PDB file of N, CA and C in Angstrom:
ATOM      1  N   MET A   1     -33.937  23.510 148.870  1.00  0.00           N
ATOM      2  CA  MET A   1     -32.937  23.142 149.712  1.00  0.00           C
ATOM      3  C   MET A   1     -31.940  24.077 149.821  1.00  0.00           C
ATOM      4  N   PRO A   2     -31.491  24.590 151.133  1.00  0.00           N
ATOM      5  CA  PRO A   2     -30.238  25.532 151.114  1.00  0.00           C
ATOM      6  C   PRO A   2     -29.042  25.044 150.405  1.00  0.00           C
ATOM      7  N   MET A   3     -28.101  25.991 150.061  1.00  0.00           N
ATOM      8  CA  MET A   3     -26.820  25.727 149.487  1.00  0.00           C
ATOM      9  C   MET A   3     -25.910  26.394 150.442  1.00  0.00           C
ATOM     10  N   GLU A   4     -24.785  25.772 150.833  1.00  0.00           N
ATOM     11  CA  GLU A   4     -23.767  26.237 151.676  1.00  0.00           C
ATOM     12  C   GLU A   4     -22.800  27.188 150.775  1.00  0.00           C
ATOM     13  N   ALA A   5     -22.375  28.148 151.695  1.00  0.00           N
ATOM     14  CA  ALA A   5     -21.490  29.206 151.096  1.00  0.00           C
ATOM     15  C   ALA A   5     -20.226  28.501 150.501  1.00  0.00           C
ATOM     16  N   GLY A   6     -19.698  27.616 151.003  1.00  0.00           N
ATOM     17  CA  GLY A   6     -18.578  26.827 150.581  1.00  0.00           C
ATOM     18  C   GLY A   6     -18.639  26.323 149.297  1.00  0.00           C
ATOM     19  N   VAL A   7     -19.902  25.875 148.937  1.00  0.00           N
ATOM     20  CA  VAL A   7     -20.152  25.155 147.603  1.00  0.00           C
ATOM     21  C   VAL A   7     -20.126  26.428 146.606  1.00  0.00           C
ATOM     22  N   ILE A   8     -20.735  27.464 147.016  1.00  0.00           N
ATOM     23  CA  ILE A   8     -20.615  28.559 145.999  1.00  0.00           C
ATOM     24  C   ILE A   8     -19.312  28.992 145.808  1.00  0.00           C
ATOM     25  N   GLU A   9     -18.545  29.174 146.863  1.00  0.00           N
ATOM     26  CA  GLU A   9     -17.156  29.535 146.510  1.00  0.00           C
ATOM     27  C   GLU A   9     -16.605  28.581 145.501  1.00  0.00           C
ATOM     28  N   LYS A  10     -16.552  27.313 146.042  1.00  0.00           N
ATOM     29  CA  LYS A  10     -15.790  26.232 145.198  1.00  0.00           C
ATOM     30  C   LYS A  10     -16.099  26.282 143.702  1.00  0.00           C
ATOM     31  N   MET A  11     -17.404  26.305 143.557  1.00  0.00           N
ATOM     32  CA  MET A  11     -18.038  26.318 142.166  1.00  0.00           C
ATOM     33  C   MET A  11     -17.347  27.647 141.309  1.00  0.00           C
ATOM     34  N   ILE A  12     -17.255  28.802 142.004  1.00  0.00           N
ATOM     35  CA  ILE A  12     -16.775  30.079 141.408  1.00  0.00           C
ATOM     36  C   ILE A  12     -15.052  29.685 141.331  1.00  0.00           C
ATOM     37  N   LYS A  13     -14.503  29.324 142.246  1.00  0.00           N
ATOM     38  CA  LYS A  13     -13.077  28.983 142.099  1.00  0.00           C
ATOM     39  C   LYS A  13     -12.698  27.845 141.230  1.00  0.00           C
ATOM     40  N   GLU A  14     -13.646  27.069 140.818  1.00  0.00           N
ATOM     41  CA  GLU A  14     -13.190  25.948 139.862  1.00  0.00           C
ATOM     42  C   GLU A  14     -13.250  26.699 138.512  1.00  0.00           C
ATOM     43  N   ALA A  15     -13.949  27.503 138.109  1.00  0.00           N
ATOM     44  CA  ALA A  15     -14.268  28.311 137.067  1.00  0.00           C
ATOM     45  C   ALA A  15     -13.055  29.452 136.907  1.00  0.00           C
ATOM     46  N   TYR A  16     -12.755  29.998 137.971  1.00  0.00           N
ATOM     47  CA  TYR A  16     -11.853  31.113 137.962  1.00  0.00           C
ATOM     48  C   TYR A  16     -10.743  30.886 139.003  1.00  0.00           C
ATOM     49  N   PRO A  17      -9.853  30.197 138.831  1.00  0.00           N
ATOM     50  CA  PRO A  17      -8.935  29.505 140.017  1.00  0.00           C
ATOM     51  C   PRO A  17      -8.146  30.939 140.773  1.00  0.00           C
ATOM     52  N   ASP A  18      -7.924  32.081 140.141  1.00  0.00           N
ATOM     53  CA  ASP A  18      -7.414  33.197 140.644  1.00  0.00           C
ATOM     54  C   ASP A  18      -8.452  33.940 141.711  1.00  0.00           C
ATOM     55  N   ALA A  19      -9.594  33.572 141.339  1.00  0.00           N
ATOM     56  CA  ALA A  19     -10.702  34.479 142.155  1.00  0.00           C
ATOM     57  C   ALA A  19     -10.417  34.544 143.717  1.00  0.00           C
ATOM     58  N   ARG A  20     -10.591  35.729 144.145  1.00  0.00           N
ATOM     59  CA  ARG A  20     -10.907  36.102 145.550  1.00  0.00           C
ATOM     60  C   ARG A  20     -12.409  36.198 145.797  1.00  0.00           C
ATOM     61  N   VAL A  21     -13.007  35.118 146.680  1.00  0.00           N
ATOM     62  CA  VAL A  21     -14.379  35.229 146.772  1.00  0.00           C
ATOM     63  C   VAL A  21     -14.895  35.341 148.301  1.00  0.00           C
ATOM     64  N   VAL A  22     -15.358  36.358 148.628  1.00  0.00           N
ATOM     65  CA  VAL A  22     -16.072  36.748 149.832  1.00  0.00           C
ATOM     66  C   VAL A  22     -17.476  36.445 149.987  1.00  0.00           C
ATOM     67  N   ILE A  23     -18.092  35.706 150.536  1.00  0.00           N
ATOM     68  CA  ILE A  23     -19.508  35.361 150.737  1.00  0.00           C
ATOM     69  C   ILE A  23     -19.994  35.600 151.982  1.00  0.00           C
ATOM     70  N   GLU A  24     -21.281  36.160 152.267  1.00  0.00           N
ATOM     71  CA  GLU A  24     -21.917  36.322 153.377  1.00  0.00           C
ATOM     72  C   GLU A  24     -23.418  35.942 153.189  1.00  0.00           C
ATOM     73  N   ASP A  25     -23.764  35.110 154.225  1.00  0.00           N
ATOM     74  CA  ASP A  25     -25.087  34.470 154.339  1.00  0.00           C
ATOM     75  C   ASP A  25     -26.138  35.779 154.841  1.00  0.00           C
ATOM     76  N   LEU A  26     -26.719  36.314 154.126  1.00  0.00           N
ATOM     77  CA  LEU A  26     -27.617  37.632 154.556  1.00  0.00           C
ATOM     78  C   LEU A  26     -28.704  37.297 155.494  1.00  0.00           C
ATOM     79  N   ARG A  27     -29.271  36.135 155.597  1.00  0.00           N
ATOM     80  CA  ARG A  27     -30.428  35.815 156.519  1.00  0.00           C
ATOM     81  C   ARG A  27     -30.094  34.670 157.501  1.00  0.00           C
ATOM     82  N   GLY A  28     -28.905  34.030 157.141  1.00  0.00           N
ATOM     83  CA  GLY A  28     -28.704  32.655 157.881  1.00  0.00           C
ATOM     84  C   GLY A  28     -29.497  31.641 157.662  1.00  0.00           C
ATOM     85  N   ASP A  29     -30.129  31.664 156.432  1.00  0.00           N
ATOM     86  CA  ASP A  29     -31.165  30.581 155.842  1.00  0.00           C
ATOM     87  C   ASP A  29     -30.380  29.725 154.739  1.00  0.00           C
ATOM     88  N   GLY A  30     -29.216  30.061 154.273  1.00  0.00           N
ATOM     89  CA  GLY A  30     -28.526  29.305 153.132  1.00  0.00           C
ATOM     90  C   GLY A  30     -29.309  29.519 151.848  1.00  0.00           C
ATOM     91  N   ASP A  31     -30.193  30.610 151.663  1.00  0.00           N
ATOM     92  CA  ASP A  31     -30.794  30.843 150.463  1.00  0.00           C
ATOM     93  C   ASP A  31     -30.414  32.127 150.049  1.00  0.00           C
ATOM     94  N   HIS A  32     -30.045  32.992 150.980  1.00  0.00           N
ATOM     95  CA  HIS A  32     -29.792  34.456 150.473  1.00  0.00           C
ATOM     96  C   HIS A  32     -28.359  34.985 150.863  1.00  0.00           C
ATOM     97  N   TYR A  33     -27.745  35.176 149.936  1.00  0.00           N
ATOM     98  CA  TYR A  33     -26.271  35.428 149.975  1.00  0.00           C
ATOM     99  C   TYR A  33     -25.779  36.820 149.222  1.00  0.00           C
ATOM    100  N   SER A  34     -24.658  37.358 149.676  1.00  0.00           N
ATOM    101  CA  SER A  34     -24.058  38.322 148.893  1.00  0.00           C
ATOM    102  C   SER A  34     -22.686  37.767 148.710  1.00  0.00           C
ATOM    103  N   ALA A  35     -21.930  38.229 147.538  1.00  0.00           N
ATOM    104  CA  ALA A  35     -20.735  37.740 147.053  1.00  0.00           C
ATOM    105  C   ALA A  35     -20.047  38.708 146.500  1.00  0.00           C
ATOM    106  N   LEU A  36     -18.806  39.004 146.795  1.00  0.00           N
ATOM    107  CA  LEU A  36     -17.833  39.801 146.204  1.00  0.00           C
ATOM    108  C   LEU A  36     -16.837  38.758 145.385  1.00  0.00           C
ATOM    109  N   VAL A  37     -16.584  38.914 144.113  1.00  0.00           N
ATOM    110  CA  VAL A  37     -15.788  38.000 143.366  1.00  0.00           C
ATOM    111  C   VAL A  37     -14.787  38.865 142.684  1.00  0.00           C
ATOM    112  N   VAL A  38     -13.405  38.767 142.905  1.00  0.00           N
ATOM    113  CA  VAL A  38     -12.424  39.602 142.320  1.00  0.00           C
ATOM    114  C   VAL A  38     -11.711  38.647 141.298  1.00  0.00           C
ATOM    115  N   SER A  39     -11.563  38.826 140.178  1.00  0.00           N
ATOM    116  CA  SER A  39     -10.782  37.881 139.263  1.00  0.00           C
ATOM    117  C   SER A  39     -10.234  38.729 138.241  1.00  0.00           C
ATOM    118  N   ALA A  40      -9.018  38.359 137.762  1.00  0.00           N
ATOM    119  CA  ALA A  40      -8.368  39.120 136.491  1.00  0.00           C
ATOM    120  C   ALA A  40      -9.207  38.483 135.236  1.00  0.00           C
ATOM    121  N   ALA A  41      -9.956  37.623 135.305  1.00  0.00           N
ATOM    122  CA  ALA A  41     -10.569  37.329 134.242  1.00  0.00           C
ATOM    123  C   ALA A  41     -11.844  38.081 133.938  1.00  0.00           C
ATOM    124  N   PHE A  42     -12.112  39.070 134.634  1.00  0.00           N
ATOM    125  CA  PHE A  42     -13.107  40.018 134.271  1.00  0.00           C
ATOM    126  C   PHE A  42     -12.412  41.128 133.758  1.00  0.00           C
ATOM    127  N   ALA A  43     -11.414  41.379 133.473  1.00  0.00           N
ATOM    128  CA  ALA A  43     -10.732  42.539 132.738  1.00  0.00           C
ATOM    129  C   ALA A  43     -11.093  42.799 131.375  1.00  0.00           C
ATOM    130  N   GLY A  44     -11.594  43.939 130.983  1.00  0.00           N
ATOM    131  CA  GLY A  44     -12.193  44.290 129.771  1.00  0.00           C
ATOM    132  C   GLY A  44     -13.531  43.846 129.496  1.00  0.00           C
ATOM    133  N   LYS A  45     -14.309  43.200 130.568  1.00  0.00           N
ATOM    134  CA  LYS A  45     -15.685  42.891 130.447  1.00  0.00           C
ATOM    135  C   LYS A  45     -16.542  43.807 131.201  1.00  0.00           C
ATOM    136  N   SER A  46     -17.912  44.129 130.828  1.00  0.00           N
ATOM    137  CA  SER A  46     -18.756  44.882 131.334  1.00  0.00           C
ATOM    138  C   SER A  46     -19.230  44.476 132.858  1.00  0.00           C
ATOM    139  N   ARG A  47     -19.814  45.124 133.478  1.00  0.00           N
ATOM    140  CA  ARG A  47     -20.320  44.519 134.908  1.00  0.00           C
ATOM    141  C   ARG A  47     -21.393  43.456 134.582  1.00  0.00           C
ATOM    142  N   VAL A  48     -22.126  43.651 133.461  1.00  0.00           N
ATOM    143  CA  VAL A  48     -23.124  42.624 133.041  1.00  0.00           C
ATOM    144  C   VAL A  48     -22.577  41.452 132.774  1.00  0.00           C
ATOM    145  N   GLN A  49     -21.391  41.424 131.915  1.00  0.00           N
ATOM    146  CA  GLN A  49     -20.536  40.232 131.429  1.00  0.00           C
ATOM    147  C   GLN A  49     -19.955  39.632 132.826  1.00  0.00           C
ATOM    148  N   GLN A  50     -19.550  40.287 133.511  1.00  0.00           N
ATOM    149  CA  GLN A  50     -18.671  39.752 134.729  1.00  0.00           C
ATOM    150  C   GLN A  50     -19.663  39.070 135.622  1.00  0.00           C
ATOM    151  N   HIS A  51     -21.051  39.452 135.629  1.00  0.00           N
ATOM    152  CA  HIS A  51     -21.952  38.784 136.609  1.00  0.00           C
ATOM    153  C   HIS A  51     -22.465  37.578 135.729  1.00  0.00           C
ATOM    154  N   GLN A  52     -22.615  37.688 134.490  1.00  0.00           N
ATOM    155  CA  GLN A  52     -23.022  36.489 133.556  1.00  0.00           C
ATOM    156  C   GLN A  52     -21.844  35.274 133.903  1.00  0.00           C
ATOM    157  N   MET A  53     -20.568  35.706 133.902  1.00  0.00           N
ATOM    158  CA  MET A  53     -19.557  34.668 133.983  1.00  0.00           C
ATOM    159  C   MET A  53     -19.593  34.078 135.289  1.00  0.00           C
ATOM    160  N   VAL A  54     -19.936  34.792 136.487  1.00  0.00           N
ATOM    161  CA  VAL A  54     -20.120  34.127 137.718  1.00  0.00           C
ATOM    162  C   VAL A  54     -21.538  33.173 137.734  1.00  0.00           C
ATOM    163  N   TYR A  55     -22.552  33.811 137.252  1.00  0.00           N
ATOM    164  CA  TYR A  55     -23.623  32.734 137.007  1.00  0.00           C
ATOM    165  C   TYR A  55     -23.381  31.544 136.308  1.00  0.00           C
ATOM    166  N   GLY A  56     -22.721  31.688 135.225  1.00  0.00           N
ATOM    167  CA  GLY A  56     -22.209  30.590 134.576  1.00  0.00           C
ATOM    168  C   GLY A  56     -21.502  29.568 135.377  1.00  0.00           C
ATOM    169  N   ALA A  57     -20.586  30.034 136.187  1.00  0.00           N
ATOM    170  CA  ALA A  57     -19.832  29.167 137.051  1.00  0.00           C
ATOM    171  C   ALA A  57     -20.656  28.518 138.052  1.00  0.00           C
ATOM    172  N   LEU A  58     -21.902  29.027 138.306  1.00  0.00           N
ATOM    173  CA  LEU A  58     -22.889  28.449 139.315  1.00  0.00           C
ATOM    174  C   LEU A  58     -23.668  27.254 138.651  1.00  0.00           C
ATOM    175  N   LYS A  59     -23.476  27.324 137.226  1.00  0.00           N
ATOM    176  CA  LYS A  59     -24.108  26.009 136.690  1.00  0.00           C
ATOM    177  C   LYS A  59     -25.805  25.784 136.796  1.00  0.00           C
ATOM    178  N   GLY A  60     -26.428  26.863 136.664  1.00  0.00           N
ATOM    179  CA  GLY A  60     -27.819  26.765 136.751  1.00  0.00           C
ATOM    180  C   GLY A  60     -28.396  26.643 138.252  1.00  0.00           C
ATOM    181  N   MET A  61     -27.426  26.878 139.388  1.00  0.00           N
ATOM    182  CA  MET A  61     -28.113  26.877 140.665  1.00  0.00           C
ATOM    183  C   MET A  61     -28.833  27.917 140.982  1.00  0.00           C
ATOM    184  N   MET A  62     -28.584  29.068 140.303  1.00  0.00           N
ATOM    185  CA  MET A  62     -29.520  30.434 140.597  1.00  0.00           C
ATOM    186  C   MET A  62     -31.001  30.189 140.263  1.00  0.00           C
ATOM    187  N   GLY A  63     -31.701  30.625 141.279  1.00  0.00           N
ATOM    188  CA  GLY A  63     -33.341  30.297 141.167  1.00  0.00           C
ATOM    189  C   GLY A  63     -33.592  29.075 141.689  1.00  0.00           C
ATOM    190  N   GLY A  64     -32.670  28.105 141.875  1.00  0.00           N
ATOM    191  CA  GLY A  64     -33.054  26.766 142.220  1.00  0.00           C
ATOM    192  C   GLY A  64     -32.432  26.786 143.856  1.00  0.00           C
ATOM    193  N   ASP A  65     -31.404  26.023 144.007  1.00  0.00           N
ATOM    194  CA  ASP A  65     -30.815  25.775 145.193  1.00  0.00           C
ATOM    195  C   ASP A  65     -30.300  26.963 145.872  1.00  0.00           C
ATOM    196  N   LEU A  66     -29.914  27.831 144.978  1.00  0.00           N
ATOM    197  CA  LEU A  66     -29.694  29.278 145.413  1.00  0.00           C
ATOM    198  C   LEU A  66     -30.746  30.195 144.987  1.00  0.00           C
ATOM    199  N   HIS A  67     -31.447  30.725 145.965  1.00  0.00           N
ATOM    200  CA  HIS A  67     -32.399  31.588 145.882  1.00  0.00           C
ATOM    201  C   HIS A  67     -32.006  33.078 145.333  1.00  0.00           C
ATOM    202  N   ALA A  68     -31.328  33.526 146.095  1.00  0.00           N
ATOM    203  CA  ALA A  68     -30.721  35.035 146.042  1.00  0.00           C
ATOM    204  C   ALA A  68     -29.256  35.249 146.092  1.00  0.00           C
ATOM    205  N   LEU A  69     -28.749  35.931 145.235  1.00  0.00           N
ATOM    206  CA  LEU A  69     -27.280  36.356 145.333  1.00  0.00           C
ATOM    207  C   LEU A  69     -27.008  37.730 144.923  1.00  0.00           C
ATOM    208  N   ALA A  70     -26.696  38.522 145.943  1.00  0.00           N
ATOM    209  CA  ALA A  70     -26.554  40.049 145.681  1.00  0.00           C
ATOM    210  C   ALA A  70     -25.011  39.975 145.013  1.00  0.00           C
ATOM    211  N   LEU A  71     -24.577  40.159 143.902  1.00  0.00           N
ATOM    212  CA  LEU A  71     -23.392  40.014 143.497  1.00  0.00           C
ATOM    213  C   LEU A  71     -22.611  41.295 143.168  1.00  0.00           C
ATOM    214  N   GLN A  72     -21.299  41.459 143.532  1.00  0.00           N
ATOM    215  CA  GLN A  72     -20.469  42.394 143.147  1.00  0.00           C
ATOM    216  C   GLN A  72     -19.346  41.737 142.700  1.00  0.00           C
ATOM    217  N   THR A  73     -18.735  42.221 141.543  1.00  0.00           N
ATOM    218  CA  THR A  73     -17.594  41.784 140.766  1.00  0.00           C
ATOM    219  C   THR A  73     -16.578  42.925 140.569  1.00  0.00           C
ATOM    220  N   ALA A  74     -15.278  42.376 140.529  1.00  0.00           N
ATOM    221  CA  ALA A  74     -14.238  43.465 140.137  1.00  0.00           C
ATOM    222  C   ALA A  74     -12.956  42.748 139.823  1.00  0.00           C
ATOM    223  N   THR A  75     -12.217  43.498 139.074  1.00  0.00           N
ATOM    224  CA  THR A  75     -10.796  43.123 138.818  1.00  0.00           C
ATOM    225  C   THR A  75      -9.988  43.341 139.953  1.00  0.00           C
ATOM    226  N   PRO A  76      -8.691  42.815 140.076  1.00  0.00           N
ATOM    227  CA  PRO A  76      -7.983  43.017 141.311  1.00  0.00           C
ATOM    228  C   PRO A  76      -7.454  44.404 141.475  1.00  0.00           C
ATOM    229  N   ASP A  77      -7.277  45.005 140.411  1.00  0.00           N
ATOM    230  CA  ASP A  77      -7.020  46.712 140.295  1.00  0.00           C
ATOM    231  C   ASP A  77      -8.079  47.641 140.859  1.00  0.00           C
ATOM    232  N   LYS A  78      -9.526  47.003 140.903  1.00  0.00           N
ATOM    233  CA  LYS A  78     -10.472  47.782 141.198  1.00  0.00           C
ATOM    234  C   LYS A  78     -11.262  47.268 142.491  1.00  0.00           C
ATOM    235  N   ALA A  79     -10.613  46.220 143.081  1.00  0.00           N
ATOM    236  CA  ALA A  79     -11.429  45.605 144.251  1.00  0.00           C
ATOM    237  C   ALA A  79     -11.140  46.647 145.545  1.00  0.00           C
ATOM    238  N   PRO A  80     -12.136  46.360 146.395  1.00  0.00           N
ATOM    239  CA  PRO A  80     -11.989  47.222 147.433  1.00  0.00           C
ATOM    240  C   PRO A  80     -10.709  46.883 148.287  1.00  0.00           C
ATOM    241  N   ASP A  81     -10.132  47.799 148.993  1.00  0.00           N
ATOM    242  CA  ASP A  81      -8.876  47.374 149.729  1.00  0.00           C
ATOM    243  C   ASP A  81      -8.974  46.246 150.718  1.00  0.00           C
ATOM    244  N   TRP A  82     -10.277  46.123 151.434  1.00  0.00           N
ATOM    245  CA  TRP A  82     -10.265  44.835 152.213  1.00  0.00           C
ATOM    246  C   TRP A  82     -10.409  43.578 151.453  1.00  0.00           C
ATOM    247  N   ALA A  83     -10.636  43.701 150.282  1.00  0.00           N
ATOM    248  CA  ALA A  83     -10.757  42.336 149.568  1.00  0.00           C
ATOM    249  C   ALA A  83      -9.369  42.188 148.815  1.00  0.00           C
ATOM    250  N   LYS A  84      -8.545  42.820 148.836  1.00  0.00           N
ATOM    251  CA  LYS A  84      -7.162  42.430 148.050  1.00  0.00           C
ATOM    252  C   LYS A  84      -6.374  41.530 148.655  1.00  0.00           C
ATOM    253  N   GLY A  85      -6.508  41.177 150.045  1.00  0.00           N
ATOM    254  CA  GLY A  85      -5.674  40.223 150.633  1.00  0.00           C
ATOM    255  C   GLY A  85      -5.668  38.909 150.103  1.00  0.00           C
TER     256      GLY A  85
END
């Protein structure tokens, strides 16, 4: 069953209230998304740890309701200019 982008964003923001989350449905099917997540909570963490934090926020939805997520994470000081707003 497809998962709505708004649900993904809500779950991430529940875990990381300061997060800036930008999600794009890559195929228009609700199963394949890309996400940029910017949060101060990622400071001092490796890229792998940052991704694990986001996957943890999704509470086991990866591989089930959410088939694929191309994930990019950053701290606010390392975020792309377009994502700093």
